[in-house]
C-alpha atoms as a PDB file:
ATOM      1  CA  MET A   1      39.221  57.009 121.123  1.00  0.00           C
ATOM      2  CA  LYS A   2      41.255  54.335 122.922  1.00  0.00           C
ATOM      3  CA  GLU A   3      40.969  52.053 119.901  1.00  0.00           C
ATOM      4  CA  LYS A   4      42.255  54.789 117.579  1.00  0.00           C
ATOM      5  CA  VAL A   5      45.203  55.510 119.868  1.00  0.00           C
ATOM      6  CA  GLU A   6      45.992  51.807 120.133  1.00  0.00           C
ATOM      7  CA  GLU A   7      45.952  51.470 116.346  1.00  0.00           C
ATOM      8  CA  VAL A   8      48.423  54.352 115.900  1.00  0.00           C
ATOM      9  CA  ILE A   9      50.684  52.956 118.616  1.00  0.00           C
ATOM     10  CA  ASN A  10      50.626  49.452 117.147  1.00  0.00           C
ATOM     11  CA  THR A  11      51.153  50.477 113.520  1.00  0.00           C
ATOM     12  CA  LYS A  12      53.400  53.559 113.695  1.00  0.00           C
ATOM     13  CA  ILE A  13      55.113  53.773 117.080  1.00  0.00           C
ATOM     14  CA  LYS A  14      55.732  50.226 118.316  1.00  0.00           C
ATOM     15  CA  PRO A  15      57.760  49.161 115.259  1.00  0.00           C
ATOM     16  CA  LEU A  16      60.084  52.146 115.681  1.00  0.00           C
ATOM     17  CA  LEU A  17      60.678  51.498 119.364  1.00  0.00           C
ATOM     18  CA  GLN A  18      61.027  47.747 118.920  1.00  0.00           C
ATOM     19  CA  ALA A  19      63.703  48.303 116.275  1.00  0.00           C
ATOM     20  CA  ASP A  20      65.821  49.895 119.029  1.00  0.00           C
ATOM     21  CA  GLY A  21      65.085  47.233 121.653  1.00  0.00           C
ATOM     22  CA  GLY A  22      62.263  49.101 123.362  1.00  0.00           C
ATOM     23  CA  ASP A  23      58.518  48.815 123.496  1.00  0.00           C
ATOM     24  CA  ILE A  24      55.439  50.747 124.540  1.00  0.00           C
ATOM     25  CA  GLU A  25      52.222  49.718 126.243  1.00  0.00           C
ATOM     26  CA  LEU A  26      49.001  51.733 126.204  1.00  0.00           C
ATOM     27  CA  VAL A  27      47.707  52.021 129.762  1.00  0.00           C
ATOM     28  CA  GLY A  28      44.699  54.232 129.103  1.00  0.00           C
ATOM     29  CA  VAL A  29      43.177  57.333 127.554  1.00  0.00           C
ATOM     30  CA  GLU A  30      41.318  59.915 129.600  1.00  0.00           C
ATOM     31  CA  ASP A  31      40.137  63.380 128.512  1.00  0.00           C
ATOM     32  CA  GLY A  32      42.685  63.607 125.699  1.00  0.00           C
ATOM     33  CA  VAL A  33      45.557  62.421 127.882  1.00  0.00           C
ATOM     34  CA  VAL A  34      47.224  59.232 126.681  1.00  0.00           C
ATOM     35  CA  LYS A  35      48.920  57.170 129.399  1.00  0.00           C
ATOM     36  CA  VAL A  36      51.673  54.819 128.275  1.00  0.00           C
ATOM     37  CA  ARG A  37      54.335  52.637 129.814  1.00  0.00           C
ATOM     38  CA  LEU A  38      57.727  52.424 128.128  1.00  0.00           C
ATOM     39  CA  ARG A  39      59.372  49.005 128.279  1.00  0.00           C
ATOM     40  CA  GLY A  40      62.591  47.293 127.324  1.00  0.00           C
ATOM     41  CA  ALA A  41      65.468  49.586 126.402  1.00  0.00           C
ATOM     42  CA  CYS A  42      63.109  52.575 126.518  1.00  0.00           C
ATOM     43  CA  ALA A  43      62.290  52.049 130.197  1.00  0.00           C
ATOM     44  CA  CYS A  44      65.797  52.905 131.397  1.00  0.00           C
ATOM     45  CA  CYS A  45      67.024  55.066 128.527  1.00  0.00           C
ATOM     46  CA  PRO A  46      68.155  58.584 129.516  1.00  0.00           C
ATOM     47  CA  GLY A  47      66.438  59.870 126.353  1.00  0.00           C
ATOM     48  CA  ALA A  48      63.057  58.333 127.232  1.00  0.00           C
ATOM     49  CA  ALA A  49      61.462  61.701 128.076  1.00  0.00           C
ATOM     50  CA  PHE A  50      62.610  63.064 124.717  1.00  0.00           C
ATOM     51  CA  THR A  51      61.298  59.962 122.925  1.00  0.00           C
ATOM     52  CA  LEU A  52      57.975  60.319 124.688  1.00  0.00           C
ATOM     53  CA  GLN A  53      57.467  64.013 123.895  1.00  0.00           C
ATOM     54  CA  MET A  54      59.129  64.424 120.502  1.00  0.00           C
ATOM     55  CA  GLY A  55      58.324  60.979 119.142  1.00  0.00           C
ATOM     56  CA  VAL A  56      55.274  59.351 120.664  1.00  0.00           C
ATOM     57  CA  GLU A  57      53.309  62.516 121.461  1.00  0.00           C
ATOM     58  CA  ARG A  58      54.109  64.139 118.114  1.00  0.00           C
ATOM     59  CA  LEU A  59      53.031  61.088 116.108  1.00  0.00           C
ATOM     60  CA  LEU A  60      49.823  60.642 118.106  1.00  0.00           C
ATOM     61  CA  LYS A  61      48.883  64.328 117.792  1.00  0.00           C
ATOM     62  CA  GLN A  62      49.486  64.233 114.038  1.00  0.00           C
ATOM     63  CA  ALA A  63      47.228  61.210 113.625  1.00  0.00           C
ATOM     64  CA  LEU A  64      44.649  62.180 116.260  1.00  0.00           C
ATOM     65  CA  PRO A  65      44.263  65.921 116.911  1.00  0.00           C
ATOM     66  CA  GLU A  66      42.063  65.196 119.929  1.00  0.00           C
ATOM     67  CA  VAL A  67      45.143  63.938 121.826  1.00  0.00           C
ATOM     68  CA  GLN A  68      46.194  66.684 124.258  1.00  0.00           C
ATOM     69  CA  ARG A  69      49.348  65.120 125.686  1.00  0.00           C
ATOM     70  CA  VAL A  70      51.097  61.859 126.438  1.00  0.00           C
ATOM     71  CA  ILE A  71      52.402  60.884 129.857  1.00  0.00           C
ATOM     72  CA  ALA A  72      54.415  57.914 131.108  1.00  0.00           C
ATOM     73  CA  VAL A  73      53.001  56.000 134.049  1.00  0.00           C
END
């Protein structure tokens, strides 16, 4: 499942975040929980929690229904 998550992050999510000066790194996947690290502009952005839940988590769940949630580490 980690490979599938990484593919979605690299093809659908990273380009969106990088366009705004941010970035995302996949830390791991465990029991449907995706652990990511936000970088660049996203790391200190006050809207990072919103981006994580409404952007990253939504896109991952749409592509991979087995994803339960996404957390920042």
